[in-house]
Structure formats: structure tokens, C-alpha cells
């Protein structure tokens, strides 16, 4: 794996909130190696967002801003782990 992908994987797994560490980090572990440069750009932009915003977008608690409404976020939403009830 190249340095950029390693850096993205590290950032995705150590977000700061356990919930985002698990969801975003798990998604990254499974997908970063095969992402195109454009997808990596989208994922890096997503990683700039606060954890609370990412969780709100993933669980449809807030509208996704146009700049974050990308195929990578759609894939992350499809990946997210079910929340136990």
C-alpha cells in the first residue's frame, strides 16, 4: 500500500470517537486499497469533517452538504454497521 493510502487508513481508524473509528475505520480497511485517486480525494475530504457530522450523515439525522454528497459517502452509508437496539 502506498504512503497516501496508509495515511488515510490511519486517519480513518483513529478519528477520536469510538463509533466513527469503528465505522469509518472498518470501511477504510476494506476499501482504501482498491480506491481510485478520485475516490481517495473524496474520502480524504470526508475525513476533514467532524465525527459528529459524519455520524449524523450516516444515520440520516442531518442533510449531507453538496460537497460531501459523493459516491464514497454513499458506499460508507451502505457499509455502516447496524446499531443494536
Protein backbone atom coordinates (compact mmCIF):
# COMPACT_ATOMS: atom_id res chain seq x y z
CA UNK A 1 0.00 0.00 0.00
CA UNK A 2 1.37 3.43 -0.88
CA UNK A 3 2.01 6.17 1.68
CA UNK A 4 -1.15 8.10 0.85
CA UNK A 5 -3.36 5.08 1.45
CA UNK A 6 -1.53 4.25 4.68
CA UNK A 7 -2.04 7.81 5.94
CA UNK A 8 -5.74 7.74 5.03
CA UNK A 9 -6.20 4.38 6.73
CA UNK A 10 -4.53 5.64 9.89
CA UNK A 11 -6.70 8.79 9.95
CA UNK A 12 -9.86 6.76 9.35
CA UNK A 13 -9.15 4.31 12.17
CA UNK A 14 -8.20 6.91 14.79
CA UNK A 15 -10.91 9.54 14.46
CA UNK A 16 -11.44 10.29 18.13
CA UNK A 17 -14.94 8.90 18.65
CA UNK A 18 -15.20 5.14 19.03
CA UNK A 19 -18.27 4.97 16.79
CA UNK A 20 -16.56 6.67 13.87
CA UNK A 21 -13.34 4.75 14.49
CA UNK A 22 -15.28 1.51 14.03
CA UNK A 23 -17.45 2.51 11.09
CA UNK A 24 -15.10 4.75 9.10
CA UNK A 25 -12.02 2.73 10.05
CA UNK A 26 -13.66 -0.57 9.15
CA UNK A 27 -14.80 0.83 5.83
CA UNK A 28 -11.30 2.11 5.13
CA UNK A 29 -9.68 -1.24 5.97
CA UNK A 30 -11.92 -2.96 3.44
CA UNK A 31 -11.88 -0.35 0.68
CA UNK A 32 -8.91 2.05 0.68
CA UNK A 33 -6.52 -0.31 -1.12
CA UNK A 34 -8.84 -0.52 -4.13
CA UNK A 35 -9.96 3.11 -4.31
CA UNK A 36 -9.21 5.27 -7.33
CA UNK A 37 -7.45 8.62 -6.92
CA UNK A 38 -10.81 10.41 -7.22
CA UNK A 39 -12.32 8.19 -4.52
CA UNK A 40 -9.31 8.80 -2.27
CA UNK A 41 -9.82 12.55 -2.77
CA UNK A 42 -13.48 12.20 -1.74
CA UNK A 43 -12.60 10.07 1.28
CA UNK A 44 -9.89 12.49 2.42
CA UNK A 45 -12.38 15.37 2.17
CA UNK A 46 -14.82 13.36 4.27
CA UNK A 47 -12.14 12.75 6.90
CA UNK A 48 -11.84 16.53 7.34
CA UNK A 49 -15.41 16.67 8.69
CA UNK A 50 -16.10 16.43 12.44
CA UNK A 51 -17.07 13.00 13.74
CA UNK A 52 -20.49 14.19 14.90
CA UNK A 53 -21.30 15.44 11.40
CA UNK A 54 -20.20 12.18 9.79
CA UNK A 55 -22.40 10.16 12.15
CA UNK A 56 -25.36 12.46 11.52
CA UNK A 57 -24.93 11.98 7.75
CA UNK A 58 -24.51 8.22 8.05
CA UNK A 59 -27.66 7.81 10.10
CA UNK A 60 -29.72 10.38 8.18
CA UNK A 61 -30.03 12.73 11.15
CA UNK A 62 -28.81 15.69 9.09
CA UNK A 63 -28.74 16.68 5.45
CA UNK A 64 -25.48 15.93 3.68
CA UNK A 65 -23.82 19.08 2.28
CA UNK A 66 -23.43 19.03 -1.51
CA UNK A 67 -19.62 18.87 -1.32
CA UNK A 68 -19.82 15.71 0.84
CA UNK A 69 -22.60 14.02 -1.13
CA UNK A 70 -20.26 11.70 -3.02
CA UNK A 71 -20.19 8.06 -4.15
CA UNK A 72 -17.73 7.36 -1.32
CA UNK A 73 -20.17 8.64 1.32
CA UNK A 74 -22.92 6.54 -0.32
CA UNK A 75 -20.65 3.47 -0.08
CA UNK A 76 -19.88 4.29 3.56
CA UNK A 77 -23.59 4.60 4.31
CA UNK A 78 -24.18 1.19 2.72
CA UNK A 79 -21.30 -0.26 4.77
CA UNK A 80 -22.22 1.15 8.18
CA UNK A 81 -22.78 -1.36 10.91
CA UNK A 82 -26.29 -1.83 12.26
CA UNK A 83 -26.93 -0.15 15.57
CA UNK A 84 -28.06 -2.61 18.30
CA UNK A 85 -31.43 -1.79 19.81
